[in-house]
Amino acid sequence: MILEAAMLQVKPGMERDFEETFTKASDIISAMNGYLSHELQRCMEVEGKYLLLVKWESLEDHTIGFRQSSEYQEWKKLLHHFYHPFPTVEHFEKVNLH
């Protein structure tokens, strides 16, 4: 399992529209192969800042399966105009501490 983390900065005044649109876009990502779960967190200190966390079965499920799909084109169309600057997406794997 990998964790995709994206810090999203939404343009001022567009937060409400973004959250409503994100709810619709959630149906797209949750139907993808390898998708496990996702959550969107709103920053308490910085207006318009969100953290998107998505769990995937593998890195390729996100980078190839989702990012190279027609569904991703719809995701982009719905959401990418809300962001400035464009978010950085990083992937994490759990560290097993014994």
PDB file of N, CA and C in Angstrom:
ATOM      1  N   MET A   1       0.842  -1.175   0.000  1.00  0.00           N
ATOM      2  CA  MET A   1       0.000   0.000   0.000  1.00  0.00           C
ATOM      3  C   MET A   1       0.888   1.239   0.000  1.00  0.00           C
ATOM      4  N   ILE A   2       0.518   2.221  -0.812  1.00  0.00           N
ATOM      5  CA  ILE A   2       1.232   3.495  -0.810  1.00  0.00           C
ATOM      6  C   ILE A   2       0.230   4.607  -0.510  1.00  0.00           C
ATOM      7  N   LEU A   3       0.765   5.694   0.009  1.00  0.00           N
ATOM      8  CA  LEU A   3      -0.041   6.860   0.339  1.00  0.00           C
ATOM      9  C   LEU A   3       0.369   8.009  -0.568  1.00  0.00           C
ATOM     10  N   GLU A   4      -0.573   8.498  -1.334  1.00  0.00           N
ATOM     11  CA  GLU A   4      -0.367   9.694  -2.152  1.00  0.00           C
ATOM     12  C   GLU A   4      -0.749  10.887  -1.301  1.00  0.00           C
ATOM     13  N   ALA A   5       0.100  11.899  -1.261  1.00  0.00           N
ATOM     14  CA  ALA A   5      -0.181  13.111  -0.496  1.00  0.00           C
ATOM     15  C   ALA A   5      -0.008  14.321  -1.407  1.00  0.00           C
ATOM     16  N   ALA A   6      -1.043  15.156  -1.458  1.00  0.00           N
ATOM     17  CA  ALA A   6      -0.989  16.361  -2.283  1.00  0.00           C
ATOM     18  C   ALA A   6      -1.459  17.544  -1.460  1.00  0.00           C
ATOM     19  N   MET A   7      -0.609  18.561  -1.374  1.00  0.00           N
ATOM     20  CA  MET A   7      -0.982  19.802  -0.725  1.00  0.00           C
ATOM     21  C   MET A   7      -1.632  20.674  -1.790  1.00  0.00           C
ATOM     22  N   LEU A   8      -2.885  21.030  -1.567  1.00  0.00           N
ATOM     23  CA  LEU A   8      -3.662  21.774  -2.549  1.00  0.00           C
ATOM     24  C   LEU A   8      -3.904  23.191  -2.055  1.00  0.00           C
ATOM     25  N   GLN A   9      -3.541  24.178  -2.843  1.00  0.00           N
ATOM     26  CA  GLN A   9      -3.843  25.574  -2.525  1.00  0.00           C
ATOM     27  C   GLN A   9      -4.921  26.034  -3.498  1.00  0.00           C
ATOM     28  N   VAL A  10      -6.106  26.268  -2.958  1.00  0.00           N
ATOM     29  CA  VAL A  10      -7.246  26.669  -3.769  1.00  0.00           C
ATOM     30  C   VAL A  10      -7.268  28.194  -3.861  1.00  0.00           C
ATOM     31  N   LYS A  11      -7.581  28.691  -5.047  1.00  0.00           N
ATOM     32  CA  LYS A  11      -7.629  30.136  -5.276  1.00  0.00           C
ATOM     33  C   LYS A  11      -8.624  30.787  -4.320  1.00  0.00           C
ATOM     34  N   PRO A  12      -8.293  31.988  -3.830  1.00  0.00           N
ATOM     35  CA  PRO A  12      -9.157  32.679  -2.873  1.00  0.00           C
ATOM     36  C   PRO A  12     -10.592  32.830  -3.384  1.00  0.00           C
ATOM     37  N   GLY A  13     -11.528  32.554  -2.478  1.00  0.00           N
ATOM     38  CA  GLY A  13     -12.936  32.694  -2.797  1.00  0.00           C
ATOM     39  C   GLY A  13     -13.552  31.506  -3.499  1.00  0.00           C
ATOM     40  N   MET A  14     -12.742  30.499  -3.825  1.00  0.00           N
ATOM     41  CA  MET A  14     -13.245  29.339  -4.560  1.00  0.00           C
ATOM     42  C   MET A  14     -13.370  28.090  -3.680  1.00  0.00           C
ATOM     43  N   GLU A  15     -13.150  28.249  -2.382  1.00  0.00           N
ATOM     44  CA  GLU A  15     -13.110  27.093  -1.487  1.00  0.00           C
ATOM     45  C   GLU A  15     -14.429  26.309  -1.475  1.00  0.00           C
ATOM     46  N   ARG A  16     -15.536  27.017  -1.371  1.00  0.00           N
ATOM     47  CA  ARG A  16     -16.833  26.338  -1.305  1.00  0.00           C
ATOM     48  C   ARG A  16     -17.113  25.557  -2.596  1.00  0.00           C
ATOM     49  N   ASP A  17     -16.879  26.193  -3.743  1.00  0.00           N
ATOM     50  CA  ASP A  17     -17.069  25.518  -5.033  1.00  0.00           C
ATOM     51  C   ASP A  17     -16.136  24.316  -5.157  1.00  0.00           C
ATOM     52  N   PHE A  18     -14.902  24.479  -4.701  1.00  0.00           N
ATOM     53  CA  PHE A  18     -13.941  23.382  -4.748  1.00  0.00           C
ATOM     54  C   PHE A  18     -14.445  22.184  -3.946  1.00  0.00           C
ATOM     55  N   GLU A  19     -14.890  22.417  -2.732  1.00  0.00           N
ATOM     56  CA  GLU A  19     -15.352  21.317  -1.883  1.00  0.00           C
ATOM     57  C   GLU A  19     -16.557  20.608  -2.502  1.00  0.00           C
ATOM     58  N   GLU A  20     -17.470  21.362  -3.075  1.00  0.00           N
ATOM     59  CA  GLU A  20     -18.640  20.756  -3.724  1.00  0.00           C
ATOM     60  C   GLU A  20     -18.222  19.941  -4.950  1.00  0.00           C
ATOM     61  N   THR A  21     -17.321  20.489  -5.739  1.00  0.00           N
ATOM     62  CA  THR A  21     -16.847  19.792  -6.934  1.00  0.00           C
ATOM     63  C   THR A  21     -16.029  18.574  -6.562  1.00  0.00           C
ATOM     64  N   PHE A  22     -15.244  18.687  -5.497  1.00  0.00           N
ATOM     65  CA  PHE A  22     -14.426  17.553  -5.059  1.00  0.00           C
ATOM     66  C   PHE A  22     -15.305  16.364  -4.681  1.00  0.00           C
ATOM     67  N   THR A  23     -16.446  16.636  -4.088  1.00  0.00           N
ATOM     68  CA  THR A  23     -17.385  15.563  -3.749  1.00  0.00           C
ATOM     69  C   THR A  23     -17.787  14.789  -4.997  1.00  0.00           C
ATOM     70  N   LYS A  24     -18.053  15.506  -6.098  1.00  0.00           N
ATOM     71  CA  LYS A  24     -18.391  14.852  -7.367  1.00  0.00           C
ATOM     72  C   LYS A  24     -17.192  14.086  -7.919  1.00  0.00           C
ATOM     73  N   ALA A  25     -16.020  14.702  -7.862  1.00  0.00           N
ATOM     74  CA  ALA A  25     -14.801  14.080  -8.397  1.00  0.00           C
ATOM     75  C   ALA A  25     -14.414  12.832  -7.604  1.00  0.00           C
ATOM     76  N   SER A  26     -14.830  12.761  -6.360  1.00  0.00           N
ATOM     77  CA  SER A  26     -14.511  11.594  -5.530  1.00  0.00           C
ATOM     78  C   SER A  26     -15.057  10.308  -6.127  1.00  0.00           C
ATOM     79  N   ASP A  27     -16.178  10.397  -6.815  1.00  0.00           N
ATOM     80  CA  ASP A  27     -16.742   9.210  -7.466  1.00  0.00           C
ATOM     81  C   ASP A  27     -15.807   8.670  -8.542  1.00  0.00           C
ATOM     82  N   ILE A  28     -15.082   9.559  -9.190  1.00  0.00           N
ATOM     83  CA  ILE A  28     -14.155   9.148 -10.251  1.00  0.00           C
ATOM     84  C   ILE A  28     -13.000   8.358  -9.661  1.00  0.00           C
ATOM     85  N   ILE A  29     -12.328   8.931  -8.676  1.00  0.00           N
ATOM     86  CA  ILE A  29     -11.125   8.289  -8.139  1.00  0.00           C
ATOM     87  C   ILE A  29     -11.468   7.005  -7.392  1.00  0.00           C
ATOM     88  N   SER A  30     -12.596   6.995  -6.692  1.00  0.00           N
ATOM     89  CA  SER A  30     -12.938   5.821  -5.891  1.00  0.00           C
ATOM     90  C   SER A  30     -13.307   4.611  -6.738  1.00  0.00           C
ATOM     91  N   ALA A  31     -13.567   4.823  -8.025  1.00  0.00           N
ATOM     92  CA  ALA A  31     -13.900   3.715  -8.926  1.00  0.00           C
ATOM     93  C   ALA A  31     -12.675   3.134  -9.634  1.00  0.00           C
ATOM     94  N   MET A  32     -11.501   3.708  -9.391  1.00  0.00           N
ATOM     95  CA  MET A  32     -10.300   3.277 -10.108  1.00  0.00           C
ATOM     96  C   MET A  32      -9.719   1.988  -9.540  1.00  0.00           C
ATOM     97  N   ASN A  33      -9.109   1.211 -10.420  1.00  0.00           N
ATOM     98  CA  ASN A  33      -8.441  -0.021 -10.012  1.00  0.00           C
ATOM     99  C   ASN A  33      -7.286   0.308  -9.065  1.00  0.00           C
ATOM    100  N   GLY A  34      -7.194  -0.415  -7.965  1.00  0.00           N
ATOM    101  CA  GLY A  34      -6.109  -0.200  -7.006  1.00  0.00           C
ATOM    102  C   GLY A  34      -6.396   0.853  -5.967  1.00  0.00           C
ATOM    103  N   TYR A  35      -7.494   1.569  -6.105  1.00  0.00           N
ATOM    104  CA  TYR A  35      -7.879   2.582  -5.128  1.00  0.00           C
ATOM    105  C   TYR A  35      -8.312   1.900  -3.833  1.00  0.00           C
ATOM    106  N   LEU A  36      -7.874   2.438  -2.697  1.00  0.00           N
ATOM    107  CA  LEU A  36      -8.270   1.898  -1.394  1.00  0.00           C
ATOM    108  C   LEU A  36      -9.137   2.879  -0.613  1.00  0.00           C
ATOM    109  N   SER A  37      -8.701   4.136  -0.512  1.00  0.00           N
ATOM    110  CA  SER A  37      -9.470   5.139   0.225  1.00  0.00           C
ATOM    111  C   SER A  37      -8.878   6.523  -0.026  1.00  0.00           C
ATOM    112  N   HIS A  38      -9.633   7.543   0.339  1.00  0.00           N
ATOM    113  CA  HIS A  38      -9.094   8.903   0.278  1.00  0.00           C
ATOM    114  C   HIS A  38      -9.788   9.790   1.302  1.00  0.00           C
ATOM    115  N   GLU A  39      -9.117  10.877   1.618  1.00  0.00           N
ATOM    116  CA  GLU A  39      -9.703  11.884   2.490  1.00  0.00           C
ATOM    117  C   GLU A  39      -9.146  13.250   2.124  1.00  0.00           C
ATOM    118  N   LEU A  40      -9.960  14.254   2.352  1.00  0.00           N
ATOM    119  CA  LEU A  40      -9.565  15.637   2.100  1.00  0.00           C
ATOM    120  C   LEU A  40      -9.619  16.377   3.424  1.00  0.00           C
ATOM    121  N   GLN A  41      -8.515  17.019   3.782  1.00  0.00           N
ATOM    122  CA  GLN A  41      -8.415  17.762   5.039  1.00  0.00           C
ATOM    123  C   GLN A  41      -8.275  19.248   4.731  1.00  0.00           C
ATOM    124  N   ARG A  42      -9.000  20.093   5.458  1.00  0.00           N
ATOM    125  CA  ARG A  42      -8.913  21.544   5.306  1.00  0.00           C
ATOM    126  C   ARG A  42      -7.983  22.088   6.387  1.00  0.00           C
ATOM    127  N   CYS A  43      -7.010  22.904   5.985  1.00  0.00           N
ATOM    128  CA  CYS A  43      -6.054  23.499   6.917  1.00  0.00           C
ATOM    129  C   CYS A  43      -6.760  24.514   7.813  1.00  0.00           C
ATOM    130  N   MET A  44      -6.438  24.480   9.091  1.00  0.00           N
ATOM    131  CA  MET A  44      -7.045  25.392  10.053  1.00  0.00           C
ATOM    132  C   MET A  44      -6.318  26.734  10.123  1.00  0.00           C
ATOM    133  N   GLU A  45      -5.060  26.753   9.706  1.00  0.00           N
ATOM    134  CA  GLU A  45      -4.273  27.980   9.805  1.00  0.00           C
ATOM    135  C   GLU A  45      -4.233  28.801   8.522  1.00  0.00           C
ATOM    136  N   VAL A  46      -4.333  28.138   7.380  1.00  0.00           N
ATOM    137  CA  VAL A  46      -4.166  28.828   6.105  1.00  0.00           C
ATOM    138  C   VAL A  46      -5.436  28.644   5.267  1.00  0.00           C
ATOM    139  N   GLU A  47      -6.110  29.731   4.986  1.00  0.00           N
ATOM    140  CA  GLU A  47      -7.334  29.665   4.194  1.00  0.00           C
ATOM    141  C   GLU A  47      -7.043  29.167   2.787  1.00  0.00           C
ATOM    142  N   GLY A  48      -7.882  28.263   2.321  1.00  0.00           N
ATOM    143  CA  GLY A  48      -7.740  27.740   0.969  1.00  0.00           C
ATOM    144  C   GLY A  48      -6.747  26.604   0.821  1.00  0.00           C
ATOM    145  N   LYS A  49      -6.125  26.188   1.921  1.00  0.00           N
ATOM    146  CA  LYS A  49      -5.132  25.115   1.864  1.00  0.00           C
ATOM    147  C   LYS A  49      -5.777  23.797   2.306  1.00  0.00           C
ATOM    148  N   TYR A  50      -5.545  22.755   1.484  1.00  0.00           N
ATOM    149  CA  TYR A  50      -6.100  21.435   1.751  1.00  0.00           C
ATOM    150  C   TYR A  50      -5.018  20.384   1.606  1.00  0.00           C
ATOM    151  N   LEU A  51      -5.227  19.269   2.275  1.00  0.00           N
ATOM    152  CA  LEU A  51      -4.346  18.117   2.138  1.00  0.00           C
ATOM    153  C   LEU A  51      -5.193  16.949   1.639  1.00  0.00           C
ATOM    154  N   LEU A  52      -4.821  16.416   0.492  1.00  0.00           N
ATOM    155  CA  LEU A  52      -5.484  15.245  -0.066  1.00  0.00           C
ATOM    156  C   LEU A  52      -4.606  14.028   0.178  1.00  0.00           C
ATOM    157  N   LEU A  53      -5.179  13.016   0.808  1.00  0.00           N
ATOM    158  CA  LEU A  53      -4.490  11.762   1.068  1.00  0.00           C
ATOM    159  C   LEU A  53      -5.253  10.645   0.377  1.00  0.00           C
ATOM    160  N   VAL A  54      -4.560   9.883  -0.471  1.00  0.00           N
ATOM    161  CA  VAL A  54      -5.186   8.783  -1.184  1.00  0.00           C
ATOM    162  C   VAL A  54      -4.339   7.531  -0.977  1.00  0.00           C
ATOM    163  N   LYS A  55      -4.996   6.451  -0.587  1.00  0.00           N
ATOM    164  CA  LYS A  55      -4.306   5.167  -0.437  1.00  0.00           C
ATOM    165  C   LYS A  55      -4.559   4.333  -1.689  1.00  0.00           C
ATOM    166  N   TRP A  56      -3.450   3.830  -2.245  1.00  0.00           N
ATOM    167  CA  TRP A  56      -3.473   2.982  -3.432  1.00  0.00           C
ATOM    168  C   TRP A  56      -2.808   1.653  -3.105  1.00  0.00           C
ATOM    169  N   GLU A  57      -3.195   0.613  -3.815  1.00  0.00           N
ATOM    170  CA  GLU A  57      -2.550  -0.683  -3.618  1.00  0.00           C
ATOM    171  C   GLU A  57      -1.086  -0.630  -4.054  1.00  0.00           C
ATOM    172  N   SER A  58      -0.789   0.105  -5.141  1.00  0.00           N
ATOM    173  CA  SER A  58       0.592   0.216  -5.626  1.00  0.00           C
ATOM    174  C   SER A  58       0.817   1.601  -6.223  1.00  0.00           C
ATOM    175  N   LEU A  59       2.064   1.965  -6.370  1.00  0.00           N
ATOM    176  CA  LEU A  59       2.421   3.235  -6.997  1.00  0.00           C
ATOM    177  C   LEU A  59       1.885   3.297  -8.421  1.00  0.00           C
ATOM    178  N   GLU A  60       2.000   2.190  -9.145  1.00  0.00           N
ATOM    179  CA  GLU A  60       1.552   2.144 -10.535  1.00  0.00           C
ATOM    180  C   GLU A  60       0.043   2.329 -10.672  1.00  0.00           C
ATOM    181  N   ASP A  61      -0.716   1.903  -9.662  1.00  0.00           N
ATOM    182  CA  ASP A  61      -2.167   2.128  -9.713  1.00  0.00           C
ATOM    183  C   ASP A  61      -2.476   3.616  -9.808  1.00  0.00           C
ATOM    184  N   HIS A  62      -1.649   4.435  -9.180  1.00  0.00           N
ATOM    185  CA  HIS A  62      -1.851   5.879  -9.264  1.00  0.00           C
ATOM    186  C   HIS A  62      -1.189   6.474 -10.495  1.00  0.00           C
ATOM    187  N   THR A  63       0.114   6.219 -10.648  1.00  0.00           N
ATOM    188  CA  THR A  63       0.886   6.909 -11.682  1.00  0.00           C
ATOM    189  C   THR A  63       0.555   6.459 -13.096  1.00  0.00           C
ATOM    190  N   ILE A  64       0.165   5.208 -13.251  1.00  0.00           N
ATOM    191  CA  ILE A  64      -0.168   4.698 -14.579  1.00  0.00           C
ATOM    192  C   ILE A  64      -1.676   4.477 -14.708  1.00  0.00           C
ATOM    193  N   GLY A  65      -2.231   3.644 -13.822  1.00  0.00           N
ATOM    194  CA  GLY A  65      -3.640   3.300 -13.905  1.00  0.00           C
ATOM    195  C   GLY A  65      -4.579   4.493 -13.855  1.00  0.00           C
ATOM    196  N   PHE A  66      -4.327   5.426 -12.942  1.00  0.00           N
ATOM    197  CA  PHE A  66      -5.180   6.602 -12.825  1.00  0.00           C
ATOM    198  C   PHE A  66      -4.704   7.740 -13.716  1.00  0.00           C
ATOM    199  N   ARG A  67      -3.458   8.119 -13.586  1.00  0.00           N
ATOM    200  CA  ARG A  67      -2.942   9.295 -14.302  1.00  0.00           C
ATOM    201  C   ARG A  67      -2.984   9.164 -15.816  1.00  0.00           C
ATOM    202  N   GLN A  68      -2.970   7.940 -16.343  1.00  0.00           N
ATOM    203  CA  GLN A  68      -2.987   7.758 -17.800  1.00  0.00           C
ATOM    204  C   GLN A  68      -4.372   7.329 -18.309  1.00  0.00           C
ATOM    205  N   SER A  69      -5.392   7.513 -17.472  1.00  0.00           N
ATOM    206  CA  SER A  69      -6.740   7.070 -17.837  1.00  0.00           C
ATOM    207  C   SER A  69      -7.597   8.223 -18.355  1.00  0.00           C
ATOM    208  N   SER A  70      -8.665   7.869 -19.041  1.00  0.00           N
ATOM    209  CA  SER A  70      -9.637   8.883 -19.475  1.00  0.00           C
ATOM    210  C   SER A  70     -10.347   9.477 -18.264  1.00  0.00           C
ATOM    211  N   GLU A  71     -10.487   8.693 -17.203  1.00  0.00           N
ATOM    212  CA  GLU A  71     -11.110   9.201 -15.971  1.00  0.00           C
ATOM    213  C   GLU A  71     -10.285  10.346 -15.374  1.00  0.00           C
ATOM    214  N   TYR A  72      -8.954  10.239 -15.494  1.00  0.00           N
ATOM    215  CA  TYR A  72      -8.099  11.318 -14.983  1.00  0.00           C
ATOM    216  C   TYR A  72      -8.339  12.613 -15.757  1.00  0.00           C
ATOM    217  N   GLN A  73      -8.622  12.519 -17.035  1.00  0.00           N
ATOM    218  CA  GLN A  73      -8.912  13.721 -17.824  1.00  0.00           C
ATOM    219  C   GLN A  73     -10.156  14.425 -17.281  1.00  0.00           C
ATOM    220  N   GLU A  74     -11.142  13.658 -16.887  1.00  0.00           N
ATOM    221  CA  GLU A  74     -12.354  14.230 -16.284  1.00  0.00           C
ATOM    222  C   GLU A  74     -12.049  14.835 -14.919  1.00  0.00           C
ATOM    223  N   TRP A  75     -11.233  14.154 -14.114  1.00  0.00           N
ATOM    224  CA  TRP A  75     -10.781  14.643 -12.808  1.00  0.00           C
ATOM    225  C   TRP A  75     -10.092  16.002 -12.984  1.00  0.00           C
ATOM    226  N   LYS A  76      -9.171  16.072 -13.941  1.00  0.00           N
ATOM    227  CA  LYS A  76      -8.460  17.326 -14.229  1.00  0.00           C
ATOM    228  C   LYS A  76      -9.433  18.438 -14.605  1.00  0.00           C
ATOM    229  N   LYS A  77     -10.369  18.115 -15.476  1.00  0.00           N
ATOM    230  CA  LYS A  77     -11.341  19.101 -15.946  1.00  0.00           C
ATOM    231  C   LYS A  77     -12.164  19.658 -14.784  1.00  0.00           C
ATOM    232  N   LEU A  78     -12.513  18.801 -13.856  1.00  0.00           N
ATOM    233  CA  LEU A  78     -13.312  19.225 -12.706  1.00  0.00           C
ATOM    234  C   LEU A  78     -12.520  20.045 -11.696  1.00  0.00           C
ATOM    235  N   LEU A  79     -11.255  19.673 -11.451  1.00  0.00           N
ATOM    236  CA  LEU A  79     -10.544  20.208 -10.285  1.00  0.00           C
ATOM    237  C   LEU A  79      -9.355  21.119 -10.548  1.00  0.00           C
ATOM    238  N   HIS A  80      -8.618  20.924 -11.621  1.00  0.00           N
ATOM    239  CA  HIS A  80      -7.325  21.599 -11.742  1.00  0.00           C
ATOM    240  C   HIS A  80      -7.415  23.114 -11.856  1.00  0.00           C
ATOM    241  N   HIS A  81      -8.518  23.652 -12.293  1.00  0.00           N
ATOM    242  CA  HIS A  81      -8.633  25.109 -12.399  1.00  0.00           C
ATOM    243  C   HIS A  81      -8.758  25.798 -11.037  1.00  0.00           C
ATOM    244  N   PHE A  82      -8.989  25.027  -9.983  1.00  0.00           N
ATOM    245  CA  PHE A  82      -9.095  25.599  -8.637  1.00  0.00           C
ATOM    246  C   PHE A  82      -7.737  25.910  -8.014  1.00  0.00           C
ATOM    247  N   TYR A  83      -6.655  25.286  -8.501  1.00  0.00           N
ATOM    248  CA  TYR A  83      -5.366  25.332  -7.811  1.00  0.00           C
ATOM    249  C   TYR A  83      -4.451  26.436  -8.314  1.00  0.00           C
ATOM    250  N   HIS A  84      -3.815  27.100  -7.369  1.00  0.00           N
ATOM    251  CA  HIS A  84      -2.709  28.008  -7.669  1.00  0.00           C
ATOM    252  C   HIS A  84      -1.866  28.169  -6.415  1.00  0.00           C
ATOM    253  N   PRO A  85      -0.611  27.750  -6.454  1.00  0.00           N
ATOM    254  CA  PRO A  85       0.067  27.108  -7.586  1.00  0.00           C
ATOM    255  C   PRO A  85      -0.392  25.659  -7.743  1.00  0.00           C
ATOM    256  N   PHE A  86       0.041  25.034  -8.840  1.00  0.00           N
ATOM    257  CA  PHE A  86      -0.320  23.643  -9.062  1.00  0.00           C
ATOM    258  C   PHE A  86       0.334  22.781  -7.986  1.00  0.00           C
ATOM    259  N   PRO A  87      -0.402  21.832  -7.422  1.00  0.00           N
ATOM    260  CA  PRO A  87       0.123  21.061  -6.287  1.00  0.00           C
ATOM    261  C   PRO A  87       1.239  20.091  -6.641  1.00  0.00           C
ATOM    262  N   THR A  88       2.073  19.869  -5.653  1.00  0.00           N
ATOM    263  CA  THR A  88       3.083  18.826  -5.719  1.00  0.00           C
ATOM    264  C   THR A  88       2.476  17.567  -5.123  1.00  0.00           C
ATOM    265  N   VAL A  89       2.649  16.457  -5.819  1.00  0.00           N
ATOM    266  CA  VAL A  89       2.132  15.177  -5.349  1.00  0.00           C
ATOM    267  C   VAL A  89       3.313  14.292  -4.996  1.00  0.00           C
ATOM    268  N   GLU A  90       3.264  13.718  -3.800  1.00  0.00           N
ATOM    269  CA  GLU A  90       4.334  12.827  -3.350  1.00  0.00           C
ATOM    270  C   GLU A  90       3.717  11.512  -2.894  1.00  0.00           C
ATOM    271  N   HIS A  91       4.545  10.473  -2.900  1.00  0.00           N
ATOM    272  CA  HIS A  91       4.091   9.138  -2.518  1.00  0.00           C
ATOM    273  C   HIS A  91       4.921   8.642  -1.339  1.00  0.00           C
ATOM    274  N   PHE A  92       4.247   7.966  -0.410  1.00  0.00           N
ATOM    275  CA  PHE A  92       4.890   7.495   0.808  1.00  0.00           C
ATOM    276  C   PHE A  92       4.575   6.026   1.023  1.00  0.00           C
ATOM    277  N   GLU A  93       5.523   5.346   1.665  1.00  0.00           N
ATOM    278  CA  GLU A  93       5.286   3.965   2.070  1.00  0.00           C
ATOM    279  C   GLU A  93       5.541   3.858   3.568  1.00  0.00           C
ATOM    280  N   LYS A  94       4.804   2.964   4.188  1.00  0.00           N
ATOM    281  CA  LYS A  94       4.878   2.798   5.627  1.00  0.00           C
ATOM    282  C   LYS A  94       6.241   2.245   6.033  1.00  0.00           C
ATOM    283  N   VAL A  95       6.781   2.776   7.097  1.00  0.00           N
ATOM    284  CA  VAL A  95       8.028   2.287   7.665  1.00  0.00           C
ATOM    285  C   VAL A  95       7.652   1.299   8.765  1.00  0.00           C
ATOM    286  N   ASN A  96       8.129   0.091   8.633  1.00  0.00           N
ATOM    287  CA  ASN A  96       7.869  -0.928   9.667  1.00  0.00           C
ATOM    288  C   ASN A  96       8.940  -0.827  10.730  1.00  0.00           C
ATOM    289  N   LEU A  97       8.535  -0.386  11.890  1.00  0.00           N
ATOM    290  CA  LEU A  97       9.447  -0.239  13.019  1.00  0.00           C
ATOM    291  C   LEU A  97       9.294  -1.436  13.946  1.00  0.00           C
ATOM    292  N   HIS A  98      10.368  -2.164  14.130  1.00  0.00           N
ATOM    293  CA  HIS A  98      10.311  -3.353  14.985  1.00  0.00           C
ATOM    294  C   HIS A  98      11.164  -3.152  16.198  1.00  0.00           C
TER     295      HIS A  98
END
